[in-house]
Protein backbone atom coordinates (compact mmCIF):
# COMPACT_ATOMS: atom_id res chain seq x y z
CA MET A 1 64.72 134.76 83.18
CA LYS A 2 61.10 133.87 83.68
CA LYS A 3 60.72 133.35 79.95
CA ILE A 4 63.78 131.10 79.83
CA ALA A 5 62.55 129.11 82.83
CA ALA A 6 59.14 128.71 81.22
CA LEU A 7 60.76 127.57 77.95
CA ILE A 8 62.86 125.00 79.80
CA VAL A 9 59.76 123.70 81.55
CA ILE A 10 57.91 123.44 78.23
CA VAL A 11 60.82 121.63 76.55
CA PHE A 12 61.21 119.27 79.50
CA ALA A 13 57.49 118.53 79.47
CA ALA A 14 57.59 117.86 75.73
CA VAL A 15 60.48 115.45 76.21
CA LEU A 16 58.62 113.61 78.96
CA ILE A 17 55.48 113.39 76.84
CA GLY A 18 57.56 112.11 73.90
CA ILE A 19 59.19 109.44 76.05
CA PHE A 20 55.80 108.41 77.44
CA ILE A 21 54.27 108.12 73.96
CA GLY A 22 57.30 106.24 72.68
CA LYS A 23 57.15 103.73 75.53
CA SER A 24 53.44 103.25 75.01
CA LYS A 25 53.95 102.45 71.34
CA LEU A 26 56.92 100.27 72.11
CA PHE A 27 55.04 98.15 74.62
CA ASP A 28 51.73 98.16 72.75
CA LYS A 29 53.27 96.85 69.51
CA PRO A 30 54.26 93.40 70.80
CA VAL A 31 50.82 92.99 72.27
CA VAL A 32 49.29 93.53 68.84
CA GLU A 33 51.84 91.22 67.22
CA ASP A 34 51.24 88.55 69.85
CA LYS A 35 47.52 88.79 69.22
CA GLU A 36 48.08 88.39 65.48
CA GLU A 37 50.36 85.39 66.07
CA VAL A 38 47.74 83.78 68.30
CA GLU A 39 45.12 84.29 65.59
CA VAL A 40 47.41 82.74 62.97
CA ASP A 41 48.27 79.79 65.24
CA THR A 42 44.60 79.24 66.01
CA ALA A 43 43.74 79.29 62.32
CA MET A 44 46.47 76.71 61.61
CA VAL A 45 45.29 74.47 64.43
CA ASN A 46 41.69 74.70 63.21
CA ALA A 47 42.82 73.91 59.66
CA GLU A 48 44.75 70.86 60.89
CA LYS A 49 41.75 69.66 62.90
CA LYS A 50 39.48 70.14 59.89
CA TYR A 51 41.89 68.18 57.68
CA GLU A 52 42.24 65.41 60.26
CA ASN A 53 38.47 65.11 60.52
CA LYS A 54 38.20 64.81 56.74
CA TYR A 55 41.27 62.59 56.23
CA PRO A 56 41.87 60.84 59.57
CA THR A 57 44.88 58.61 60.16
CA TYR A 58 44.82 55.06 61.49
CA THR A 59 48.16 53.53 62.49
CA VAL A 60 49.14 49.92 63.15
CA ALA A 61 52.44 48.37 64.19
CA GLY A 62 54.02 46.36 61.41
CA GLY A 63 57.18 44.61 60.34
CA LEU A 64 59.02 44.77 57.06
CA PRO A 65 57.18 46.41 54.12
CA GLN A 66 54.75 44.05 52.39
CA VAL A 67 53.20 44.13 48.94
CA ARG A 68 49.79 43.99 50.58
CA ASP A 69 50.44 47.29 52.37
CA LYS A 70 50.53 49.08 49.02
CA TYR A 71 47.03 47.89 48.22
CA ARG A 72 45.88 49.19 51.58
CA ASN A 73 47.24 52.59 50.56
CA ILE A 74 45.09 52.46 47.42
CA VAL A 75 41.92 51.53 49.27
CA ASP A 76 42.34 54.11 52.04
CA ARG A 77 42.18 56.87 49.41
CA TRP A 78 38.77 55.57 48.33
CA TYR A 79 37.49 56.17 51.85
CA ASN A 80 39.45 59.41 52.43
CA PHE A 81 41.66 58.30 55.29
CA ASN A 82 45.32 57.41 55.79
CA PHE A 83 46.26 53.87 56.79
CA VAL A 84 49.81 53.84 58.14
CA VAL A 85 51.92 50.77 58.95
CA ASN A 86 54.85 51.57 61.24
CA GLY A 87 57.95 49.77 59.99
CA SER A 88 60.13 47.71 62.32
CA ASN A 89 63.45 48.97 63.57
CA CYS A 90 65.45 46.88 66.02
CA THR A 91 67.54 49.85 67.13
CA ASP A 92 64.54 52.14 67.63
CA PRO A 93 61.53 50.35 69.14
CA SER A 94 59.70 53.69 69.40
CA ASN A 95 58.87 53.34 65.70
CA GLN A 96 56.36 50.70 66.76
CA ASN A 97 54.46 53.10 68.99
CA VAL A 98 50.79 53.50 68.12
CA ASP A 99 48.64 56.36 69.36
CA VAL A 100 45.66 54.38 70.65
CA LYS A 101 43.70 57.51 71.55
CA HIS A 102 44.13 58.88 68.04
CA ASN A 103 43.15 55.52 66.52
CA ASN A 104 39.99 55.43 68.62
CA ARG A 105 39.04 58.84 67.30
CA THR A 106 39.64 57.72 63.72
CA ASP A 107 37.71 54.52 64.36
CA SER A 108 34.73 56.58 65.50
CA ILE A 109 34.89 58.73 62.35
CA LEU A 110 35.16 55.75 60.00
CA LYS A 111 32.33 53.87 61.70
CA LYS A 112 30.05 56.78 60.87
CA ARG A 113 31.48 57.15 57.38
CA ILE A 114 31.76 53.51 56.28
CA GLY A 115 30.05 51.37 58.89
CA LYS A 116 30.79 49.47 62.08
CA ASN A 117 32.68 46.79 60.12
CA TRP A 118 34.85 49.30 58.24
CA MET A 119 38.13 47.54 59.07
CA GLU A 120 36.88 44.18 57.80
CA LEU A 121 35.59 45.76 54.60
CA PHE A 122 38.85 47.66 54.17
CA GLU A 123 41.03 44.55 54.53
CA LYS A 124 38.83 42.45 52.23
CA THR A 125 38.96 45.10 49.51
CA ALA A 126 42.77 45.31 49.74
CA ASP A 127 43.01 41.51 49.59
CA SER A 128 40.76 41.43 46.52
CA LEU A 129 43.00 43.88 44.65
CA TYR A 130 46.06 41.86 45.60
CA LEU A 131 44.52 38.59 44.40
CA ILE A 132 43.38 40.09 41.10
CA ASP A 133 46.84 41.46 40.32
CA SER A 134 48.42 38.16 41.40
CA LEU A 135 46.09 36.39 38.97
CA ALA A 136 47.11 38.75 36.14
CA ILE A 137 50.78 38.00 36.78
CA ALA A 138 50.16 34.23 36.92
CA ILE A 139 48.30 34.38 33.58
CA THR A 140 51.25 36.27 32.07
CA GLU A 141 53.90 33.88 33.39
CA ASN A 142 52.03 30.83 32.05
CA ASP A 143 51.34 32.28 28.61
CA ARG A 144 53.15 30.36 25.84
CA ALA A 145 54.15 33.49 23.92
CA VAL A 146 55.54 35.08 27.07
CA LYS A 147 57.58 31.95 27.85
CA ASN A 148 59.07 32.10 24.35
CA ILE A 149 59.99 35.75 24.79
CA ILE A 150 61.69 34.99 28.12
CA LYS A 151 63.57 32.12 26.48
CA GLN A 152 64.78 34.36 23.65
CA LYS A 153 65.77 37.15 25.98
CA SER A 154 67.65 34.74 28.24
CA LEU A 155 70.05 33.96 25.40
CA LYS A 156 71.26 37.58 25.51
CA ASN A 157 70.56 38.46 29.10
CA VAL A 158 70.69 35.80 31.80
CA ASN A 159 68.70 38.09 34.12
CA ALA A 160 65.64 37.57 31.94
CA LYS A 161 64.95 34.31 33.77
CA ASN A 162 64.48 36.33 36.94
CA ALA A 163 62.16 38.94 35.46
CA ARG A 164 60.21 40.99 37.97
CA TYR A 165 56.55 41.31 37.08
CA LYS A 166 54.67 44.46 37.97
CA CYS A 167 50.94 44.84 37.55
CA TYR A 168 49.17 48.09 36.68
CA PRO A 169 45.47 48.95 36.42
CA THR A 170 43.81 50.28 33.27
CA THR A 171 40.57 52.16 32.66
CA ASP A 172 38.93 48.76 32.07
CA LYS A 173 38.50 46.88 35.35
CA ASN A 174 38.76 43.55 33.48
CA VAL A 175 42.08 44.43 31.83
CA LYS A 176 45.49 44.64 33.49
CA LEU A 177 48.90 45.60 32.18
CA VAL A 178 51.75 43.38 33.35
CA SER A 179 55.30 44.65 32.83
CA ALA A 180 58.27 42.23 32.79
CA GLU A 181 61.33 44.08 34.06
CA TRP A 182 64.97 43.51 34.88
CA SER A 183 68.22 45.47 34.67
CA GLY A 184 69.23 46.87 31.32
CA ILE A 185 70.95 49.82 29.69
CA ILE A 186 69.21 52.96 28.40
CA TYR A 187 71.21 56.05 27.44
CA ARG A 188 74.36 54.17 28.55
CA ASP A 189 72.94 53.98 32.05
CA THR A 190 72.06 50.78 33.87
CA THR A 191 68.45 51.07 34.89
CA GLU A 192 65.19 49.14 35.25
CA VAL A 193 63.96 48.19 31.79
CA SER A 194 60.50 47.00 30.81
CA PHE A 195 61.35 44.44 28.13
CA PHE A 196 57.72 43.71 27.31
CA ARG A 197 54.24 44.40 28.57
CA ALA A 198 51.34 41.96 28.47
CA ILE A 199 47.75 43.17 28.14
CA VAL A 200 45.83 40.67 30.26
CA ASP A 201 42.12 39.92 30.04
CA ILE A 202 41.24 38.96 33.61
CA LYS A 203 37.69 37.90 32.78
CA ASN A 204 38.76 35.42 30.10
CA LYS A 205 42.09 34.65 31.79
CA LYS A 206 44.31 35.19 28.78
CA VAL A 207 46.95 37.50 27.37
CA LYS A 208 45.30 39.63 24.67
CA GLU A 209 48.38 41.39 23.34
CA ILE A 210 52.09 41.79 24.00
CA GLU A 211 53.92 45.10 23.56
CA ARG A 212 57.56 44.28 22.88
CA THR A 213 59.17 47.70 22.55
CA GLU A 214 61.85 47.89 25.22
CA ARG A 215 61.52 51.02 27.33
CA GLU A 216 62.47 52.43 30.67
CA GLY A 217 60.76 50.59 33.49
CA PHE A 218 57.79 51.93 35.35
CA TYR A 219 58.20 53.49 38.76
CA PRO A 220 58.29 50.83 41.52
CA TYR A 221 54.77 49.73 42.22
CA PHE A 222 53.13 46.61 43.56
CA PHE A 223 55.33 43.78 42.23
């Protein structure tokens, strides 16, 4: 009987020890996982802060999208920051909200990076790009050969008179490519068609060459 009693005591003790160890592992595991999650979250936050310091965002309240805004988005990449224009929405005025505190932080970063007059320089550069592309389009529209092409195309497609001109940069800063586009059919589908492209010499203010092969239009850009 003593042996049986001793065996029962040993078994009971083993069970208690097993339960104790099991509970310890059960409760210790979440603590380790929580610690790992905190480390991951901290790493993500630090990565976001590092990215924001390198590519800060500056937001302004705006109205309907403007062509000029697209030039701003070109220039901001040159200075490694993001310039955002909040669009208007009559049903949701919150879209116009601007985080002033965040803008002040970005302003401080850009003053060190570009200079105290960074905003003025930024806007002037965007305006310059806009004016140069506008000049390229004006040169194209007033070219005699281009006018003849439009006249010929209008005989078959009345939309040719309302051609949309889009300007694209080239590797030569003095040369622009201007695409004349309107609706057409490619592969039996109605799509944007580039009916001709003018190679424009900005410096000499003339059209150097005209590519007349009709092709699918470029992705929406600028004009």
